Amino acid sequence: QVQLVESGGGLVQPGGSLRLSCAASGSIFSPNFMGWYRQAPGKEREFVASIYKGGTTTYADSVKGRFTISRDNAKNTVDLQINSLKPEDTAVYYCYARWNMDVNLWGQGTQVTVSS
């Protein structure tokens, strides 16, 4: 019943910004852990940013200072504000949520393309 629904991807010029959103639709309880991962063509899926229910955040070194993750525990949503986009940021961005060690979900992904 619970699904992760992502939105906000698109085509942006280098230096531009995007705001990605993810909603844990149908979730009664707020996920303990939520995060964003990305996968570029021909590469493995990699960690981007995460945030715990209490607000603790972690970022990959490649996005520190440019990306900001936030969440709304009441709405069970997580956002990723992406600034100063670079061509190497081009990837499919996936939302991830974990309620406990046995219950977790991945979203379908949203495409972010950075090109002039």
N, C-alpha and C. Protein backbone atom coordinates (compact mmCIF):
# COMPACT_ATOMS: atom_id res chain seq x y z
N GLN A 1 0.81 -1.20 0.00
CA GLN A 1 0.00 0.00 0.00
C GLN A 1 0.85 1.26 0.00
N VAL A 2 1.94 1.24 0.73
CA VAL A 2 2.83 2.40 0.80
C VAL A 2 3.72 2.44 -0.43
N GLN A 3 3.84 3.62 -1.03
CA GLN A 3 4.70 3.83 -2.18
C GLN A 3 5.47 5.13 -2.03
N LEU A 4 6.66 5.19 -2.62
CA LEU A 4 7.43 6.41 -2.66
C LEU A 4 7.21 7.06 -4.02
N VAL A 5 6.69 8.28 -4.02
CA VAL A 5 6.38 9.00 -5.24
C VAL A 5 7.31 10.19 -5.37
N GLU A 6 8.13 10.20 -6.43
CA GLU A 6 9.11 11.24 -6.66
C GLU A 6 8.65 12.22 -7.73
N SER A 7 9.13 13.45 -7.63
CA SER A 7 8.82 14.47 -8.62
C SER A 7 9.90 15.54 -8.59
N GLY A 8 9.94 16.39 -9.63
CA GLY A 8 10.83 17.53 -9.66
C GLY A 8 12.01 17.43 -10.60
N GLY A 9 12.23 16.29 -11.23
CA GLY A 9 13.33 16.15 -12.15
C GLY A 9 13.08 16.90 -13.44
N GLY A 10 14.14 17.03 -14.25
CA GLY A 10 14.00 17.73 -15.51
C GLY A 10 15.33 18.06 -16.14
N LEU A 11 15.28 18.86 -17.20
CA LEU A 11 16.46 19.30 -17.93
C LEU A 11 16.84 20.70 -17.47
N VAL A 12 18.08 20.86 -17.01
CA VAL A 12 18.55 22.14 -16.48
C VAL A 12 19.94 22.45 -17.02
N GLN A 13 20.22 23.73 -17.25
CA GLN A 13 21.54 24.15 -17.68
C GLN A 13 22.53 24.12 -16.52
N PRO A 14 23.82 23.95 -16.80
CA PRO A 14 24.82 23.99 -15.73
C PRO A 14 24.70 25.26 -14.91
N GLY A 15 24.80 25.12 -13.59
CA GLY A 15 24.65 26.24 -12.69
C GLY A 15 23.23 26.47 -12.23
N GLY A 16 22.29 25.77 -12.81
CA GLY A 16 20.90 25.92 -12.45
C GLY A 16 20.53 25.15 -11.20
N SER A 17 19.25 25.19 -10.85
CA SER A 17 18.77 24.55 -9.63
C SER A 17 17.52 23.73 -9.88
N LEU A 18 17.31 22.75 -9.03
CA LEU A 18 16.11 21.92 -9.04
C LEU A 18 15.75 21.58 -7.60
N ARG A 19 14.49 21.27 -7.39
CA ARG A 19 14.05 20.79 -6.09
C ARG A 19 13.29 19.49 -6.30
N LEU A 20 13.85 18.41 -5.80
CA LEU A 20 13.24 17.10 -5.90
C LEU A 20 12.40 16.83 -4.66
N SER A 21 11.27 16.18 -4.85
CA SER A 21 10.40 15.85 -3.73
C SER A 21 10.05 14.38 -3.76
N CYS A 22 9.83 13.82 -2.58
CA CYS A 22 9.45 12.42 -2.45
C CYS A 22 8.45 12.29 -1.32
N ALA A 23 7.35 11.63 -1.59
CA ALA A 23 6.32 11.43 -0.59
C ALA A 23 6.10 9.94 -0.34
N ALA A 24 6.09 9.56 0.93
CA ALA A 24 5.78 8.18 1.31
C ALA A 24 4.26 8.07 1.38
N SER A 25 3.67 7.93 0.22
CA SER A 25 2.22 7.89 0.11
C SER A 25 1.63 6.68 0.83
N GLY A 26 0.64 6.93 1.66
CA GLY A 26 -0.04 5.86 2.37
C GLY A 26 0.62 5.41 3.65
N SER A 27 1.71 6.05 4.05
CA SER A 27 2.42 5.68 5.27
C SER A 27 1.77 6.30 6.49
N ILE A 28 1.46 5.47 7.46
CA ILE A 28 0.89 5.97 8.71
C ILE A 28 1.98 6.50 9.63
N PHE A 29 3.11 5.80 9.67
CA PHE A 29 4.22 6.19 10.51
C PHE A 29 5.34 6.81 9.69
N SER A 30 5.97 7.82 10.24
CA SER A 30 7.07 8.50 9.57
C SER A 30 8.29 7.60 9.50
N PRO A 31 8.94 7.49 8.33
CA PRO A 31 10.15 6.66 8.21
C PRO A 31 11.26 7.15 9.14
N ASN A 32 11.99 6.21 9.72
CA ASN A 32 13.11 6.57 10.58
C ASN A 32 14.24 7.21 9.77
N PHE A 33 14.41 6.73 8.54
CA PHE A 33 15.51 7.15 7.68
C PHE A 33 14.98 7.41 6.27
N MET A 34 15.36 8.53 5.68
CA MET A 34 15.02 8.82 4.30
C MET A 34 16.24 9.40 3.60
N GLY A 35 16.37 9.07 2.32
CA GLY A 35 17.54 9.55 1.62
C GLY A 35 17.36 9.58 0.12
N TRP A 36 18.36 10.15 -0.53
CA TRP A 36 18.41 10.22 -1.99
C TRP A 36 19.67 9.54 -2.49
N TYR A 37 19.51 8.76 -3.53
CA TYR A 37 20.61 8.09 -4.22
C TYR A 37 20.49 8.41 -5.69
N ARG A 38 21.57 8.21 -6.45
CA ARG A 38 21.50 8.47 -7.88
C ARG A 38 22.31 7.45 -8.65
N GLN A 39 21.94 7.27 -9.91
CA GLN A 39 22.63 6.34 -10.77
C GLN A 39 22.79 6.95 -12.16
N ALA A 40 24.03 7.17 -12.55
CA ALA A 40 24.35 7.69 -13.87
C ALA A 40 24.47 6.52 -14.85
N PRO A 41 24.31 6.78 -16.15
CA PRO A 41 24.42 5.71 -17.15
C PRO A 41 25.74 4.97 -17.05
N GLY A 42 25.68 3.65 -16.98
CA GLY A 42 26.87 2.83 -16.92
C GLY A 42 27.57 2.79 -15.58
N LYS A 43 26.98 3.39 -14.55
CA LYS A 43 27.60 3.43 -13.24
C LYS A 43 26.69 2.81 -12.18
N GLU A 44 27.30 2.50 -11.03
CA GLU A 44 26.55 1.94 -9.91
C GLU A 44 25.75 3.03 -9.21
N ARG A 45 24.68 2.64 -8.57
CA ARG A 45 23.89 3.57 -7.79
C ARG A 45 24.73 4.04 -6.59
N GLU A 46 24.71 5.34 -6.32
CA GLU A 46 25.52 5.90 -5.26
C GLU A 46 24.71 6.76 -4.31
N PHE A 47 25.19 6.86 -3.10
CA PHE A 47 24.57 7.66 -2.06
C PHE A 47 24.74 9.14 -2.35
N VAL A 48 23.70 9.93 -2.10
CA VAL A 48 23.75 11.38 -2.28
C VAL A 48 23.57 12.11 -0.96
N ALA A 49 22.46 11.86 -0.29
CA ALA A 49 22.17 12.55 0.96
C ALA A 49 21.13 11.78 1.75
N SER A 50 21.13 11.95 3.06
CA SER A 50 20.16 11.27 3.90
C SER A 50 19.80 12.13 5.09
N ILE A 51 18.67 11.81 5.69
CA ILE A 51 18.22 12.52 6.87
C ILE A 51 17.42 11.58 7.76
N TYR A 52 17.74 11.57 9.05
CA TYR A 52 17.02 10.76 10.01
C TYR A 52 15.80 11.52 10.52
N LYS A 53 14.91 10.80 11.16
CA LYS A 53 13.68 11.38 11.68
C LYS A 53 13.96 12.55 12.61
N GLY A 54 15.04 12.45 13.38
CA GLY A 54 15.40 13.51 14.31
C GLY A 54 16.07 14.70 13.67
N GLY A 55 16.41 14.61 12.38
CA GLY A 55 16.98 15.74 11.66
C GLY A 55 18.45 15.64 11.30
N THR A 56 19.15 14.61 11.75
CA THR A 56 20.56 14.45 11.43
C THR A 56 20.74 14.17 9.94
N THR A 57 21.63 14.91 9.30
CA THR A 57 21.85 14.78 7.86
C THR A 57 23.26 14.31 7.54
N THR A 58 23.39 13.69 6.38
CA THR A 58 24.67 13.25 5.86
C THR A 58 24.69 13.50 4.35
N TYR A 59 25.83 13.95 3.83
CA TYR A 59 25.96 14.23 2.41
C TYR A 59 27.19 13.57 1.83
N ALA A 60 27.09 13.17 0.57
CA ALA A 60 28.26 12.71 -0.15
C ALA A 60 29.19 13.90 -0.37
N ASP A 61 30.49 13.64 -0.38
CA ASP A 61 31.46 14.73 -0.55
C ASP A 61 31.24 15.51 -1.84
N SER A 62 30.78 14.85 -2.88
CA SER A 62 30.61 15.47 -4.17
C SER A 62 29.48 16.50 -4.22
N VAL A 63 28.59 16.48 -3.24
CA VAL A 63 27.44 17.38 -3.26
C VAL A 63 27.40 18.34 -2.08
N LYS A 64 28.33 18.23 -1.16
CA LYS A 64 28.34 19.11 0.01
C LYS A 64 28.43 20.57 -0.41
N GLY A 65 27.59 21.39 0.19
CA GLY A 65 27.57 22.81 -0.12
C GLY A 65 26.66 23.17 -1.27
N ARG A 66 26.22 22.18 -2.04
CA ARG A 66 25.34 22.43 -3.18
C ARG A 66 23.95 21.84 -3.00
N PHE A 67 23.87 20.70 -2.33
CA PHE A 67 22.59 20.02 -2.11
C PHE A 67 22.17 20.17 -0.65
N THR A 68 20.87 20.29 -0.44
CA THR A 68 20.32 20.37 0.90
C THR A 68 19.12 19.44 1.01
N ILE A 69 19.16 18.53 1.98
CA ILE A 69 18.06 17.61 2.19
C ILE A 69 17.23 18.07 3.38
N SER A 70 15.93 17.90 3.28
CA SER A 70 15.03 18.27 4.37
C SER A 70 13.84 17.32 4.37
N ARG A 71 13.11 17.28 5.48
CA ARG A 71 11.95 16.40 5.55
C ARG A 71 10.86 17.00 6.41
N ASP A 72 9.66 16.54 6.18
CA ASP A 72 8.50 16.92 6.95
C ASP A 72 7.93 15.64 7.54
N ASN A 73 8.15 15.43 8.82
CA ASN A 73 7.72 14.18 9.45
C ASN A 73 6.20 14.02 9.49
N ALA A 74 5.49 15.13 9.55
CA ALA A 74 4.04 15.07 9.58
C ALA A 74 3.46 14.62 8.24
N LYS A 75 4.11 15.04 7.15
CA LYS A 75 3.63 14.70 5.81
C LYS A 75 4.35 13.49 5.21
N ASN A 76 5.38 13.01 5.90
CA ASN A 76 6.19 11.89 5.41
C ASN A 76 6.79 12.19 4.04
N THR A 77 7.37 13.36 3.92
CA THR A 77 8.00 13.77 2.67
C THR A 77 9.46 14.13 2.91
N VAL A 78 10.26 14.01 1.87
CA VAL A 78 11.65 14.41 1.90
C VAL A 78 11.96 15.16 0.61
N ASP A 79 12.66 16.28 0.73
CA ASP A 79 13.01 17.10 -0.42
C ASP A 79 14.52 17.18 -0.57
N LEU A 80 14.95 17.44 -1.78
CA LEU A 80 16.37 17.65 -2.06
C LEU A 80 16.50 18.90 -2.91
N GLN A 81 17.01 19.97 -2.32
CA GLN A 81 17.28 21.21 -3.04
C GLN A 81 18.66 21.09 -3.67
N ILE A 82 18.70 21.18 -4.98
CA ILE A 82 19.94 21.02 -5.72
C ILE A 82 20.33 22.34 -6.38
N ASN A 83 21.46 22.89 -5.99
CA ASN A 83 21.96 24.15 -6.55
C ASN A 83 23.28 23.93 -7.26
N SER A 84 23.64 24.90 -8.10
CA SER A 84 24.92 24.87 -8.82
C SER A 84 25.14 23.55 -9.53
N LEU A 85 24.15 23.13 -10.28
CA LEU A 85 24.21 21.84 -10.95
C LEU A 85 25.36 21.76 -11.95
N LYS A 86 25.97 20.58 -11.99
CA LYS A 86 27.06 20.29 -12.90
C LYS A 86 26.65 19.16 -13.84
N PRO A 87 27.27 19.08 -15.02
CA PRO A 87 26.93 17.99 -15.94
C PRO A 87 27.09 16.61 -15.30
N GLU A 88 28.06 16.45 -14.40
CA GLU A 88 28.27 15.17 -13.75
C GLU A 88 27.18 14.81 -12.74
N ASP A 89 26.27 15.74 -12.48
CA ASP A 89 25.12 15.44 -11.63
C ASP A 89 24.01 14.72 -12.39
N THR A 90 24.16 14.64 -13.70
CA THR A 90 23.16 13.96 -14.53
C THR A 90 23.02 12.51 -14.10
N ALA A 91 21.80 12.12 -13.76
CA ALA A 91 21.54 10.76 -13.29
C ALA A 91 20.05 10.60 -13.01
N VAL A 92 19.66 9.37 -12.76
CA VAL A 92 18.33 9.11 -12.24
C VAL A 92 18.44 9.17 -10.73
N TYR A 93 17.63 9.99 -10.10
CA TYR A 93 17.66 10.16 -8.66
C TYR A 93 16.54 9.35 -8.02
N TYR A 94 16.92 8.53 -7.04
CA TYR A 94 15.98 7.63 -6.37
C TYR A 94 15.78 8.02 -4.91
N CYS A 95 14.55 8.01 -4.50
CA CYS A 95 14.19 8.22 -3.10
C CYS A 95 14.20 6.88 -2.38
N TYR A 96 14.64 6.88 -1.12
CA TYR A 96 14.69 5.67 -0.30
C TYR A 96 14.16 5.99 1.08
N ALA A 97 13.39 5.07 1.63
CA ALA A 97 12.86 5.24 2.97
C ALA A 97 12.95 3.94 3.74
N ARG A 98 13.27 4.05 5.03
CA ARG A 98 13.36 2.88 5.90
C ARG A 98 12.62 3.15 7.19
N TRP A 99 11.73 2.26 7.53
CA TRP A 99 10.98 2.37 8.79
C TRP A 99 11.68 1.61 9.91
N ASN A 100 12.23 0.47 9.58
CA ASN A 100 13.05 -0.33 10.49
C ASN A 100 13.94 -1.22 9.64
N MET A 101 14.74 -2.09 10.29
CA MET A 101 15.69 -2.88 9.52
C MET A 101 15.04 -3.86 8.54
N ASP A 102 13.76 -4.12 8.70
CA ASP A 102 13.06 -5.08 7.85
C ASP A 102 12.10 -4.44 6.85
N VAL A 103 11.81 -3.17 7.00
CA VAL A 103 10.83 -2.50 6.15
C VAL A 103 11.45 -1.29 5.47
N ASN A 104 11.60 -1.35 4.16
CA ASN A 104 12.16 -0.24 3.40
C ASN A 104 11.64 -0.26 1.97
N LEU A 105 11.72 0.89 1.31
CA LEU A 105 11.21 1.03 -0.05
C LEU A 105 12.10 1.95 -0.88
N TRP A 106 12.10 1.68 -2.18
CA TRP A 106 12.75 2.54 -3.16
C TRP A 106 11.69 3.15 -4.07
N GLY A 107 11.89 4.39 -4.48
CA GLY A 107 11.02 5.00 -5.46
C GLY A 107 11.39 4.56 -6.86
N GLN A 108 10.60 4.99 -7.85
CA GLN A 108 10.85 4.61 -9.24
C GLN A 108 11.97 5.43 -9.88
N GLY A 109 12.29 6.56 -9.31
CA GLY A 109 13.35 7.40 -9.82
C GLY A 109 12.84 8.55 -10.66
N THR A 110 13.57 9.66 -10.65
CA THR A 110 13.25 10.81 -11.47
C THR A 110 14.53 11.29 -12.17
N GLN A 111 14.42 11.57 -13.46
CA GLN A 111 15.59 11.92 -14.27
C GLN A 111 16.00 13.37 -14.08
N VAL A 112 17.28 13.58 -13.81
CA VAL A 112 17.88 14.91 -13.76
C VAL A 112 18.95 14.97 -14.84
N THR A 113 18.78 15.89 -15.78
CA THR A 113 19.74 16.05 -16.86
C THR A 113 20.29 17.47 -16.84
N VAL A 114 21.61 17.59 -16.74
CA VAL A 114 22.27 18.90 -16.71
C VAL A 114 23.07 19.05 -18.00
N SER A 115 22.61 19.94 -18.85
CA SER A 115 23.24 20.12 -20.15
C SER A 115 22.95 21.51 -20.70
N SER A 116 23.90 22.05 -21.46
CA SER A 116 23.70 23.33 -22.11
C SER A 116 23.08 23.15 -23.49
